[in-house]
Amino acid sequence: QVQLQESGPGLVKPSQTLSLTCTVSSGSITTNYYYWNWIRQPPGKGLEWIGYIAYSGNLYYSPFLKGRAAISRDTSKNQLTLRLSSLTPEDPAVYYCARGVKDYSCTYYDHWGQGTQVTVPT
């Protein structure tokens, strides 16, 4: 069964860059036709989609992040990477990676990581 696990520093200073890694086991991130997403949830708020890298390597981001997010992959290690620059008080959240699936009606996520807490100290 596919498993995802996030890792990275939990504390990031204001204006610095967040770097997270998602390690995928029991499957390849290049397999057709899956989409590898980063999603976050601020405390007391709903889920916010950040972006994805597709099986093909194509990238797509939420416009609400104003170009601050960058997703990449290392196919030899079966890992995803998220870099989010210029952290502000809006960015503390639990960050997840998740596998996306698209059918004729909608897009949904069939596997999620546990999530990792990111704190921006003041």
Protein backbone atom coordinates (compact mmCIF):
# COMPACT_ATOMS: atom_id res chain seq x y z
CA GLN A 1 0.00 0.00 0.00
CA VAL A 2 1.18 3.53 -0.81
CA GLN A 3 2.47 5.49 2.18
CA LEU A 4 3.52 9.13 2.43
CA GLN A 5 5.51 10.79 5.21
CA GLU A 6 6.41 14.47 5.60
CA SER A 7 9.63 15.66 7.22
CA GLY A 8 11.53 18.89 7.77
CA PRO A 9 12.19 21.62 10.34
CA GLY A 10 9.16 22.50 12.42
CA LEU A 11 10.35 26.03 13.25
CA VAL A 12 10.97 28.64 10.58
CA LYS A 13 11.74 32.30 11.27
CA PRO A 14 9.65 35.07 9.70
CA SER A 15 10.72 36.00 6.16
CA GLN A 16 12.74 32.76 5.84
CA THR A 17 12.06 29.80 3.53
CA LEU A 18 10.27 26.62 4.56
CA SER A 19 11.65 23.36 3.12
CA LEU A 20 9.70 20.11 3.51
CA THR A 21 10.20 16.63 2.09
CA CYS A 22 7.59 13.95 1.41
CA THR A 23 8.87 10.40 1.11
CA VAL A 24 6.65 8.01 -0.84
CA SER A 25 6.89 4.26 -0.30
CA SER A 26 5.32 1.27 -2.06
CA GLY A 27 4.90 3.04 -5.37
CA SER A 28 6.53 5.38 -7.87
CA ILE A 29 5.79 9.10 -8.12
CA THR A 30 6.11 8.78 -11.90
CA THR A 31 3.28 6.24 -12.27
CA ASN A 32 0.41 7.26 -14.58
CA TYR A 33 -1.86 9.07 -13.75
CA TYR A 34 -1.29 10.36 -10.23
CA TYR A 35 -0.82 13.89 -8.92
CA TRP A 36 1.37 14.61 -5.91
CA ASN A 37 0.01 17.48 -3.86
CA TRP A 38 0.96 19.72 -0.99
CA ILE A 39 -1.94 20.85 1.22
CA ARG A 40 -1.96 22.77 4.50
CA GLN A 41 -4.35 23.51 7.35
CA PRO A 42 -3.84 26.59 9.56
CA PRO A 43 -5.04 26.26 13.16
CA GLY A 44 -8.82 26.59 13.39
CA LYS A 45 -9.20 26.86 9.62
CA GLY A 46 -9.95 24.63 6.66
CA LEU A 47 -7.68 22.86 4.21
CA GLU A 48 -5.82 24.95 1.64
CA TRP A 49 -4.36 23.43 -1.52
CA ILE A 50 -0.83 24.61 -2.31
CA GLY A 51 0.01 22.86 -5.58
CA TYR A 52 1.08 19.62 -7.23
CA ILE A 53 3.65 17.93 -9.39
CA ALA A 54 2.10 15.41 -11.76
CA TYR A 55 3.41 12.01 -12.79
CA SER A 56 4.68 13.71 -15.95
CA GLY A 57 6.55 16.39 -14.01
CA ASN A 58 4.06 19.16 -14.83
CA LEU A 59 3.61 21.74 -12.08
CA TYR A 60 0.57 23.72 -10.97
CA TYR A 61 0.21 26.11 -8.02
CA SER A 62 -2.51 27.94 -6.16
CA PRO A 63 -2.55 31.57 -7.31
CA PHE A 64 -3.31 32.67 -3.75
CA LEU A 65 0.30 31.96 -2.72
CA LYS A 66 1.50 34.64 -5.16
CA GLY A 67 4.42 32.65 -6.54
CA ARG A 68 5.97 31.80 -3.16
CA ALA A 69 5.64 28.01 -3.50
CA ALA A 70 8.01 25.75 -5.41
CA ILE A 71 7.51 21.98 -5.76
CA SER A 72 10.11 19.56 -7.06
CA ARG A 73 10.84 15.84 -7.02
CA ASP A 74 13.71 13.39 -6.82
CA THR A 75 12.63 10.31 -8.74
CA SER A 76 15.65 8.27 -7.64
CA LYS A 77 14.63 8.72 -3.99
CA ASN A 78 10.86 8.77 -4.67
CA GLN A 79 10.59 12.07 -2.81
CA LEU A 80 8.70 15.33 -3.18
CA THR A 81 9.98 18.69 -1.95
CA LEU A 82 8.10 21.86 -1.04
CA ARG A 83 9.79 25.22 -0.66
CA LEU A 84 7.70 28.14 0.56
CA SER A 85 9.51 31.46 0.71
CA SER A 86 8.98 34.66 2.71
CA LEU A 87 7.04 33.13 5.58
CA THR A 88 4.47 35.34 7.28
CA PRO A 89 2.00 34.94 10.17
CA GLU A 90 -0.43 33.44 7.62
CA ASP A 91 1.81 30.40 7.01
CA PRO A 92 1.90 28.44 10.33
CA ALA A 93 -0.08 25.26 9.70
CA VAL A 94 -0.01 21.50 9.50
CA TYR A 95 1.44 20.66 6.10
CA TYR A 96 0.42 17.49 4.26
CA CYS A 97 1.43 15.71 1.11
CA ALA A 98 -1.30 13.72 -0.61
CA ARG A 99 -1.77 11.64 -3.74
CA GLY A 100 -4.42 12.99 -6.07
CA VAL A 101 -6.67 11.10 -8.48
CA LYS A 102 -8.83 12.62 -11.22
CA ASP A 103 -11.97 11.05 -12.66
CA TYR A 104 -14.68 12.41 -14.94
CA SER A 105 -16.48 14.26 -12.12
CA CYS A 106 -13.86 15.55 -9.68
CA THR A 107 -10.37 15.36 -8.23
CA TYR A 108 -9.86 13.61 -4.91
CA TYR A 109 -7.04 12.42 -2.63
CA ASP A 110 -6.74 8.71 -1.92
CA HIS A 111 -3.60 8.72 0.25
CA TRP A 112 -2.37 11.29 2.78
CA GLY A 113 0.72 11.71 4.90
CA GLN A 114 0.42 12.21 8.65
CA GLY A 115 1.15 15.93 8.35
CA THR A 116 3.92 17.98 9.93
CA GLN A 117 3.47 21.05 12.14
CA VAL A 118 5.22 24.22 11.02
CA THR A 119 5.58 27.08 13.51
CA VAL A 120 6.72 30.64 12.82
CA PRO A 121 8.02 32.11 16.12
CA THR A 122 7.65 35.77 16.98
